[in-house]
């Protein structure tokens, strides 16, 4: 299972505000469409730390990094790449 698939599964299983919203795609807006709330975002950041051993600095908690599952996966890939801080 890819990192992006793991993130999608976590979001669907744990964070969606509407439990009937199981057809979430990689490109569906999360915060702007109110699929997750700010507490969900914090839980997602904790998941990234626990599951992938990455730290998300406060200044990187931006809509550009957490817009949808695809952007989160891209952000994570950057954090996991050799030489990333």
PDB file of N, CA and C in Angstrom:
ATOM      1  N   UNK A   1       0.854  -1.180   0.000  1.00  0.00           N
ATOM      2  CA  UNK A   1       0.000   0.000   0.000  1.00  0.00           C
ATOM      3  C   UNK A   1       0.896   1.238   0.000  1.00  0.00           C
ATOM      4  N   UNK A   2       0.606   2.170  -0.889  1.00  0.00           N
ATOM      5  CA  UNK A   2       1.408   3.396  -0.968  1.00  0.00           C
ATOM      6  C   UNK A   2       1.108   4.317   0.220  1.00  0.00           C
ATOM      7  N   UNK A   3       1.998   5.268   0.433  1.00  0.00           N
ATOM      8  CA  UNK A   3       1.787   6.247   1.494  1.00  0.00           C
ATOM      9  C   UNK A   3       0.486   7.012   1.267  1.00  0.00           C
ATOM     10  N   UNK A   4       0.224   7.375   0.023  1.00  0.00           N
ATOM     11  CA  UNK A   4      -0.997   8.117  -0.283  1.00  0.00           C
ATOM     12  C   UNK A   4      -2.229   7.263   0.021  1.00  0.00           C
ATOM     13  N   UNK A   5      -2.177   5.977  -0.302  1.00  0.00           N
ATOM     14  CA  UNK A   5      -3.291   5.084   0.013  1.00  0.00           C
ATOM     15  C   UNK A   5      -3.501   4.977   1.521  1.00  0.00           C
ATOM     16  N   UNK A   6      -2.411   4.933   2.279  1.00  0.00           N
ATOM     17  CA  UNK A   6      -2.514   4.877   3.738  1.00  0.00           C
ATOM     18  C   UNK A   6      -3.166   6.151   4.282  1.00  0.00           C
ATOM     19  N   UNK A   7      -2.780   7.292   3.723  1.00  0.00           N
ATOM     20  CA  UNK A   7      -3.368   8.563   4.155  1.00  0.00           C
ATOM     21  C   UNK A   7      -4.855   8.589   3.823  1.00  0.00           C
ATOM     22  N   UNK A   8      -5.211   8.183   2.605  1.00  0.00           N
ATOM     23  CA  UNK A   8      -6.619   8.155   2.205  1.00  0.00           C
ATOM     24  C   UNK A   8      -7.424   7.253   3.127  1.00  0.00           C
ATOM     25  N   UNK A   9      -6.901   6.084   3.420  1.00  0.00           N
ATOM     26  CA  UNK A   9      -7.611   5.158   4.309  1.00  0.00           C
ATOM     27  C   UNK A   9      -7.813   5.770   5.691  1.00  0.00           C
ATOM     28  N   UNK A  10      -6.795   6.426   6.227  1.00  0.00           N
ATOM     29  CA  UNK A  10      -6.914   7.062   7.539  1.00  0.00           C
ATOM     30  C   UNK A  10      -7.964   8.166   7.522  1.00  0.00           C
ATOM     31  N   UNK A  11      -7.914   9.000   6.498  1.00  0.00           N
ATOM     32  CA  UNK A  11      -8.879  10.094   6.409  1.00  0.00           C
ATOM     33  C   UNK A  11     -10.307   9.550   6.339  1.00  0.00           C
ATOM     34  N   UNK A  12     -10.533   8.557   5.494  1.00  0.00           N
ATOM     35  CA  UNK A  12     -11.880   7.993   5.335  1.00  0.00           C
ATOM     36  C   UNK A  12     -12.329   7.290   6.618  1.00  0.00           C
ATOM     37  N   UNK A  13     -11.455   6.505   7.213  1.00  0.00           N
ATOM     38  CA  UNK A  13     -11.832   5.710   8.382  1.00  0.00           C
ATOM     39  C   UNK A  13     -11.933   6.524   9.665  1.00  0.00           C
ATOM     40  N   UNK A  14     -11.133   7.599   9.777  1.00  0.00           N
ATOM     41  CA  UNK A  14     -11.010   8.278  11.065  1.00  0.00           C
ATOM     42  C   UNK A  14     -11.428   9.747  11.104  1.00  0.00           C
ATOM     43  N   UNK A  15     -11.410  10.435   9.977  1.00  0.00           N
ATOM     44  CA  UNK A  15     -11.519  11.895  10.047  1.00  0.00           C
ATOM     45  C   UNK A  15     -12.737  12.520   9.403  1.00  0.00           C
ATOM     46  N   UNK A  16     -13.351  11.857   8.454  1.00  0.00           N
ATOM     47  CA  UNK A  16     -14.452  12.491   7.725  1.00  0.00           C
ATOM     48  C   UNK A  16     -15.589  12.876   8.660  1.00  0.00           C
ATOM     49  N   UNK A  17     -16.054  14.103   8.530  1.00  0.00           N
ATOM     50  CA  UNK A  17     -17.158  14.583   9.357  1.00  0.00           C
ATOM     51  C   UNK A  17     -18.475  13.918   8.987  1.00  0.00           C
ATOM     52  N   UNK A  18     -18.628  13.566   7.720  1.00  0.00           N
ATOM     53  CA  UNK A  18     -19.831  12.879   7.255  1.00  0.00           C
ATOM     54  C   UNK A  18     -19.482  11.413   7.024  1.00  0.00           C
ATOM     55  N   UNK A  19     -19.946  10.521   7.889  1.00  0.00           N
ATOM     56  CA  UNK A  19     -19.591   9.106   7.756  1.00  0.00           C
ATOM     57  C   UNK A  19     -20.073   8.471   6.453  1.00  0.00           C
ATOM     58  N   UNK A  20     -20.997   9.107   5.759  1.00  0.00           N
ATOM     59  CA  UNK A  20     -21.479   8.583   4.477  1.00  0.00           C
ATOM     60  C   UNK A  20     -20.617   9.050   3.304  1.00  0.00           C
ATOM     61  N   UNK A  21     -19.591   9.835   3.573  1.00  0.00           N
ATOM     62  CA  UNK A  21     -18.732  10.413   2.541  1.00  0.00           C
ATOM     63  C   UNK A  21     -17.535   9.495   2.273  1.00  0.00           C
ATOM     64  N   UNK A  22     -17.827   8.230   1.970  1.00  0.00           N
ATOM     65  CA  UNK A  22     -16.764   7.236   1.801  1.00  0.00           C
ATOM     66  C   UNK A  22     -16.175   7.228   0.393  1.00  0.00           C
ATOM     67  N   UNK A  23     -16.699   8.002  -0.523  1.00  0.00           N
ATOM     68  CA  UNK A  23     -16.218   8.013  -1.899  1.00  0.00           C
ATOM     69  C   UNK A  23     -15.175   9.104  -2.130  1.00  0.00           C
ATOM     70  N   UNK A  24     -14.442   9.449  -1.092  1.00  0.00           N
ATOM     71  CA  UNK A  24     -13.421  10.488  -1.177  1.00  0.00           C
ATOM     72  C   UNK A  24     -12.340  10.086  -2.180  1.00  0.00           C
ATOM     73  N   UNK A  25     -11.969  11.018  -3.047  1.00  0.00           N
ATOM     74  CA  UNK A  25     -10.889  10.765  -4.006  1.00  0.00           C
ATOM     75  C   UNK A  25      -9.641  11.511  -3.562  1.00  0.00           C
ATOM     76  N   UNK A  26      -8.548  11.256  -4.234  1.00  0.00           N
ATOM     77  CA  UNK A  26      -7.276  11.894  -3.894  1.00  0.00           C
ATOM     78  C   UNK A  26      -7.314  13.403  -4.066  1.00  0.00           C
ATOM     79  N   UNK A  27      -8.180  13.892  -4.942  1.00  0.00           N
ATOM     80  CA  UNK A  27      -8.205  15.319  -5.265  1.00  0.00           C
ATOM     81  C   UNK A  27      -9.353  16.086  -4.621  1.00  0.00           C
ATOM     82  N   UNK A  28     -10.182  15.425  -3.832  1.00  0.00           N
ATOM     83  CA  UNK A  28     -11.285  16.119  -3.162  1.00  0.00           C
ATOM     84  C   UNK A  28     -10.743  17.026  -2.054  1.00  0.00           C
ATOM     85  N   UNK A  29     -11.252  18.240  -2.029  1.00  0.00           N
ATOM     86  CA  UNK A  29     -10.872  19.193  -0.988  1.00  0.00           C
ATOM     87  C   UNK A  29     -11.243  18.636   0.385  1.00  0.00           C
ATOM     88  N   UNK A  30     -10.374  18.859   1.357  1.00  0.00           N
ATOM     89  CA  UNK A  30     -10.649  18.384   2.711  1.00  0.00           C
ATOM     90  C   UNK A  30     -11.151  19.502   3.615  1.00  0.00           C
ATOM     91  N   UNK A  31     -10.356  20.532   3.795  1.00  0.00           N
ATOM     92  CA  UNK A  31     -10.733  21.614   4.708  1.00  0.00           C
ATOM     93  C   UNK A  31     -11.738  22.573   4.089  1.00  0.00           C
ATOM     94  N   UNK A  32     -11.476  23.004   2.866  1.00  0.00           N
ATOM     95  CA  UNK A  32     -12.361  23.970   2.212  1.00  0.00           C
ATOM     96  C   UNK A  32     -13.766  23.411   2.029  1.00  0.00           C
ATOM     97  N   UNK A  33     -13.878  22.119   1.784  1.00  0.00           N
ATOM     98  CA  UNK A  33     -15.187  21.485   1.602  1.00  0.00           C
ATOM     99  C   UNK A  33     -15.751  20.957   2.924  1.00  0.00           C
ATOM    100  N   UNK A  34     -15.072  21.270   4.006  1.00  0.00           N
ATOM    101  CA  UNK A  34     -15.493  20.878   5.350  1.00  0.00           C
ATOM    102  C   UNK A  34     -15.681  19.370   5.489  1.00  0.00           C
ATOM    103  N   UNK A  35     -14.807  18.602   4.838  1.00  0.00           N
ATOM    104  CA  UNK A  35     -14.827  17.150   5.019  1.00  0.00           C
ATOM    105  C   UNK A  35     -14.116  16.762   6.310  1.00  0.00           C
ATOM    106  N   UNK A  36     -13.100  17.552   6.680  1.00  0.00           N
ATOM    107  CA  UNK A  36     -12.473  17.410   7.992  1.00  0.00           C
ATOM    108  C   UNK A  36     -12.416  18.793   8.624  1.00  0.00           C
ATOM    109  N   UNK A  37     -12.279  18.825   9.938  1.00  0.00           N
ATOM    110  CA  UNK A  37     -12.191  20.104  10.635  1.00  0.00           C
ATOM    111  C   UNK A  37     -10.770  20.288  11.169  1.00  0.00           C
ATOM    112  N   UNK A  38     -10.552  21.354  11.925  1.00  0.00           N
ATOM    113  CA  UNK A  38      -9.211  21.656  12.411  1.00  0.00           C
ATOM    114  C   UNK A  38      -8.693  20.576  13.368  1.00  0.00           C
ATOM    115  N   UNK A  39      -9.571  20.006  14.157  1.00  0.00           N
ATOM    116  CA  UNK A  39      -9.158  18.897  15.026  1.00  0.00           C
ATOM    117  C   UNK A  39      -8.740  17.697  14.178  1.00  0.00           C
ATOM    118  N   UNK A  40      -9.457  17.450  13.117  1.00  0.00           N
ATOM    119  CA  UNK A  40      -9.093  16.377  12.202  1.00  0.00           C
ATOM    120  C   UNK A  40      -7.735  16.621  11.573  1.00  0.00           C
ATOM    121  N   UNK A  41      -7.452  17.868  11.239  1.00  0.00           N
ATOM    122  CA  UNK A  41      -6.152  18.209  10.685  1.00  0.00           C
ATOM    123  C   UNK A  41      -5.049  17.905  11.693  1.00  0.00           C
ATOM    124  N   UNK A  42      -5.266  18.232  12.942  1.00  0.00           N
ATOM    125  CA  UNK A  42      -4.271  17.933  13.972  1.00  0.00           C
ATOM    126  C   UNK A  42      -4.095  16.421  14.146  1.00  0.00           C
ATOM    127  N   UNK A  43      -5.182  15.689  14.072  1.00  0.00           N
ATOM    128  CA  UNK A  43      -5.095  14.217  14.146  1.00  0.00           C
ATOM    129  C   UNK A  43      -4.340  13.664  12.933  1.00  0.00           C
ATOM    130  N   UNK A  44      -4.554  14.266  11.773  1.00  0.00           N
ATOM    131  CA  UNK A  44      -3.846  13.846  10.569  1.00  0.00           C
ATOM    132  C   UNK A  44      -2.348  14.103  10.708  1.00  0.00           C
ATOM    133  N   UNK A  45      -1.978  15.243  11.235  1.00  0.00           N
ATOM    134  CA  UNK A  45      -0.567  15.562  11.447  1.00  0.00           C
ATOM    135  C   UNK A  45       0.054  14.586  12.446  1.00  0.00           C
ATOM    136  N   UNK A  46      -0.674  14.246  13.494  1.00  0.00           N
ATOM    137  CA  UNK A  46      -0.184  13.251  14.459  1.00  0.00           C
ATOM    138  C   UNK A  46      -0.019  11.890  13.784  1.00  0.00           C
ATOM    139  N   UNK A  47      -0.960  11.519  12.915  1.00  0.00           N
ATOM    140  CA  UNK A  47      -0.864  10.265  12.171  1.00  0.00           C
ATOM    141  C   UNK A  47       0.399  10.237  11.308  1.00  0.00           C
ATOM    142  N   UNK A  48       0.677  11.327  10.615  1.00  0.00           N
ATOM    143  CA  UNK A  48       1.880  11.389   9.789  1.00  0.00           C
ATOM    144  C   UNK A  48       3.133  11.191  10.639  1.00  0.00           C
ATOM    145  N   UNK A  49       3.140  11.788  11.811  1.00  0.00           N
ATOM    146  CA  UNK A  49       4.279  11.620  12.713  1.00  0.00           C
ATOM    147  C   UNK A  49       4.413  10.197  13.210  1.00  0.00           C
ATOM    148  N   UNK A  50       3.307   9.616  13.635  1.00  0.00           N
ATOM    149  CA  UNK A  50       3.333   8.255  14.177  1.00  0.00           C
ATOM    150  C   UNK A  50       3.618   7.218  13.103  1.00  0.00           C
ATOM    151  N   UNK A  51       2.954   7.329  11.983  1.00  0.00           N
ATOM    152  CA  UNK A  51       3.021   6.304  10.941  1.00  0.00           C
ATOM    153  C   UNK A  51       4.298   6.398  10.095  1.00  0.00           C
ATOM    154  N   UNK A  52       4.757   7.623   9.833  1.00  0.00           N
ATOM    155  CA  UNK A  52       5.867   7.813   8.904  1.00  0.00           C
ATOM    156  C   UNK A  52       7.085   8.466   9.554  1.00  0.00           C
ATOM    157  N   UNK A  53       7.003   8.734  10.860  1.00  0.00           N
ATOM    158  CA  UNK A  53       8.122   9.294  11.618  1.00  0.00           C
ATOM    159  C   UNK A  53       8.599  10.617  11.024  1.00  0.00           C
ATOM    160  N   UNK A  54       7.654  11.489  10.721  1.00  0.00           N
ATOM    161  CA  UNK A  54       7.989  12.829  10.238  1.00  0.00           C
ATOM    162  C   UNK A  54       7.430  13.871  11.205  1.00  0.00           C
ATOM    163  N   UNK A  55       8.088  14.995  11.236  1.00  0.00           N
ATOM    164  CA  UNK A  55       7.623  16.117  12.032  1.00  0.00           C
ATOM    165  C   UNK A  55       7.115  17.187  11.079  1.00  0.00           C
ATOM    166  N   UNK A  56       5.936  17.707  11.361  1.00  0.00           N
ATOM    167  CA  UNK A  56       5.365  18.784  10.551  1.00  0.00           C
ATOM    168  C   UNK A  56       5.511  20.073  11.353  1.00  0.00           C
ATOM    169  N   UNK A  57       6.475  20.919  10.967  1.00  0.00           N
ATOM    170  CA  UNK A  57       6.636  22.187  11.679  1.00  0.00           C
ATOM    171  C   UNK A  57       5.404  23.081  11.506  1.00  0.00           C
ATOM    172  N   UNK A  58       5.180  23.912  12.491  1.00  0.00           N
ATOM    173  CA  UNK A  58       4.023  24.804  12.476  1.00  0.00           C
ATOM    174  C   UNK A  58       3.946  25.627  11.194  1.00  0.00           C
ATOM    175  N   UNK A  59       5.111  26.108  10.718  1.00  0.00           N
ATOM    176  CA  UNK A  59       5.104  26.966   9.532  1.00  0.00           C
ATOM    177  C   UNK A  59       4.844  26.200   8.236  1.00  0.00           C
ATOM    178  N   UNK A  60       4.742  24.869   8.312  1.00  0.00           N
ATOM    179  CA  UNK A  60       4.410  24.074   7.128  1.00  0.00           C
ATOM    180  C   UNK A  60       2.962  23.577   7.141  1.00  0.00           C
ATOM    181  N   UNK A  61       2.208  23.979   8.152  1.00  0.00           N
ATOM    182  CA  UNK A  61       0.786  23.628   8.202  1.00  0.00           C
ATOM    183  C   UNK A  61       0.045  24.673   7.367  1.00  0.00           C
ATOM    184  N   UNK A  62       0.077  24.437   6.064  1.00  0.00           N
ATOM    185  CA  UNK A  62      -0.483  25.368   5.082  1.00  0.00           C
ATOM    186  C   UNK A  62      -1.491  24.639   4.208  1.00  0.00           C
ATOM    187  N   UNK A  63      -2.454  25.366   3.694  1.00  0.00           N
ATOM    188  CA  UNK A  63      -3.458  24.775   2.809  1.00  0.00           C
ATOM    189  C   UNK A  63      -2.784  24.129   1.604  1.00  0.00           C
ATOM    190  N   UNK A  64      -1.680  24.695   1.143  1.00  0.00           N
ATOM    191  CA  UNK A  64      -0.976  24.122  -0.009  1.00  0.00           C
ATOM    192  C   UNK A  64      -0.478  22.710   0.274  1.00  0.00           C
ATOM    193  N   UNK A  65      -0.167  22.408   1.528  1.00  0.00           N
ATOM    194  CA  UNK A  65       0.334  21.084   1.901  1.00  0.00           C
ATOM    195  C   UNK A  65      -0.771  20.117   2.302  1.00  0.00           C
ATOM    196  N   UNK A  66      -1.948  20.636   2.676  1.00  0.00           N
ATOM    197  CA  UNK A  66      -3.012  19.794   3.231  1.00  0.00           C
ATOM    198  C   UNK A  66      -4.355  20.005   2.527  1.00  0.00           C
ATOM    199  N   UNK A  67      -4.321  20.444   1.281  1.00  0.00           N
ATOM    200  CA  UNK A  67      -5.543  20.717   0.519  1.00  0.00           C
ATOM    201  C   UNK A  67      -6.367  19.452   0.295  1.00  0.00           C
ATOM    202  N   UNK A  68      -5.702  18.369  -0.097  1.00  0.00           N
ATOM    203  CA  UNK A  68      -6.374  17.096  -0.378  1.00  0.00           C
ATOM    204  C   UNK A  68      -5.375  15.966  -0.134  1.00  0.00           C
ATOM    205  N   UNK A  69      -5.808  14.748  -0.298  1.00  0.00           N
ATOM    206  CA  UNK A  69      -4.939  13.606  -0.005  1.00  0.00           C
ATOM    207  C   UNK A  69      -3.723  13.596  -0.932  1.00  0.00           C
ATOM    208  N   UNK A  70      -3.904  13.996  -2.168  1.00  0.00           N
ATOM    209  CA  UNK A  70      -2.768  14.016  -3.103  1.00  0.00           C
ATOM    210  C   UNK A  70      -1.696  15.008  -2.643  1.00  0.00           C
ATOM    211  N   UNK A  71      -2.094  16.222  -2.245  1.00  0.00           N
ATOM    212  CA  UNK A  71      -1.101  17.201  -1.806  1.00  0.00           C
ATOM    213  C   UNK A  71      -0.439  16.759  -0.505  1.00  0.00           C
ATOM    214  N   UNK A  72      -1.178  16.081   0.351  1.00  0.00           N
ATOM    215  CA  UNK A  72      -0.588  15.554   1.586  1.00  0.00           C
ATOM    216  C   UNK A  72       0.445  14.481   1.240  1.00  0.00           C
ATOM    217  N   UNK A  73       0.106  13.606   0.303  1.00  0.00           N
ATOM    218  CA  UNK A  73       1.045  12.576  -0.133  1.00  0.00           C
ATOM    219  C   UNK A  73       2.295  13.181  -0.745  1.00  0.00           C
ATOM    220  N   UNK A  74       2.136  14.225  -1.541  1.00  0.00           N
ATOM    221  CA  UNK A  74       3.290  14.908  -2.137  1.00  0.00           C
ATOM    222  C   UNK A  74       4.146  15.561  -1.052  1.00  0.00           C
ATOM    223  N   UNK A  75       3.489  16.192  -0.100  1.00  0.00           N
ATOM    224  CA  UNK A  75       4.212  16.811   1.017  1.00  0.00           C
ATOM    225  C   UNK A  75       5.002  15.745   1.778  1.00  0.00           C
ATOM    226  N   UNK A  76       4.353  14.625   2.073  1.00  0.00           N
ATOM    227  CA  UNK A  76       5.009  13.542   2.801  1.00  0.00           C
ATOM    228  C   UNK A  76       6.196  12.991   2.005  1.00  0.00           C
ATOM    229  N   UNK A  77       6.020  12.818   0.714  1.00  0.00           N
ATOM    230  CA  UNK A  77       7.117  12.315  -0.126  1.00  0.00           C
ATOM    231  C   UNK A  77       8.325  13.248  -0.037  1.00  0.00           C
ATOM    232  N   UNK A  78       8.072  14.539  -0.024  1.00  0.00           N
ATOM    233  CA  UNK A  78       9.158  15.498   0.134  1.00  0.00           C
ATOM    234  C   UNK A  78       9.855  15.381   1.475  1.00  0.00           C
ATOM    235  N   UNK A  79       9.080  15.129   2.525  1.00  0.00           N
ATOM    236  CA  UNK A  79       9.652  14.974   3.865  1.00  0.00           C
ATOM    237  C   UNK A  79      10.460  13.681   3.975  1.00  0.00           C
ATOM    238  N   UNK A  80      10.064  12.655   3.240  1.00  0.00           N
ATOM    239  CA  UNK A  80      10.729  11.358   3.328  1.00  0.00           C
ATOM    240  C   UNK A  80      11.906  11.217   2.367  1.00  0.00           C
ATOM    241  N   UNK A  81      12.037  12.151   1.439  1.00  0.00           N
ATOM    242  CA  UNK A  81      13.119  12.040   0.456  1.00  0.00           C
ATOM    243  C   UNK A  81      14.462  12.293   1.138  1.00  0.00           C
ATOM    244  N   UNK A  82      15.524  11.661   0.633  1.00  0.00           N
ATOM    245  CA  UNK A  82      16.856  11.867   1.222  1.00  0.00           C
ATOM    246  C   UNK A  82      17.234  13.347   1.223  1.00  0.00           C
ATOM    247  N   UNK A  83      17.747  13.799   2.340  1.00  0.00           N
ATOM    248  CA  UNK A  83      18.171  15.186   2.447  1.00  0.00           C
ATOM    249  C   UNK A  83      17.078  16.135   2.898  1.00  0.00           C
ATOM    250  N   UNK A  84      15.833  15.626   3.010  1.00  0.00           N
ATOM    251  CA  UNK A  84      14.739  16.496   3.461  1.00  0.00           C
ATOM    252  C   UNK A  84      14.896  16.760   4.950  1.00  0.00           C
ATOM    253  N   UNK A  85      14.482  17.931   5.364  1.00  0.00           N
ATOM    254  CA  UNK A  85      14.576  18.258   6.784  1.00  0.00           C
ATOM    255  C   UNK A  85      13.285  17.941   7.488  1.00  0.00           C
TER     256      UNK A  85
END
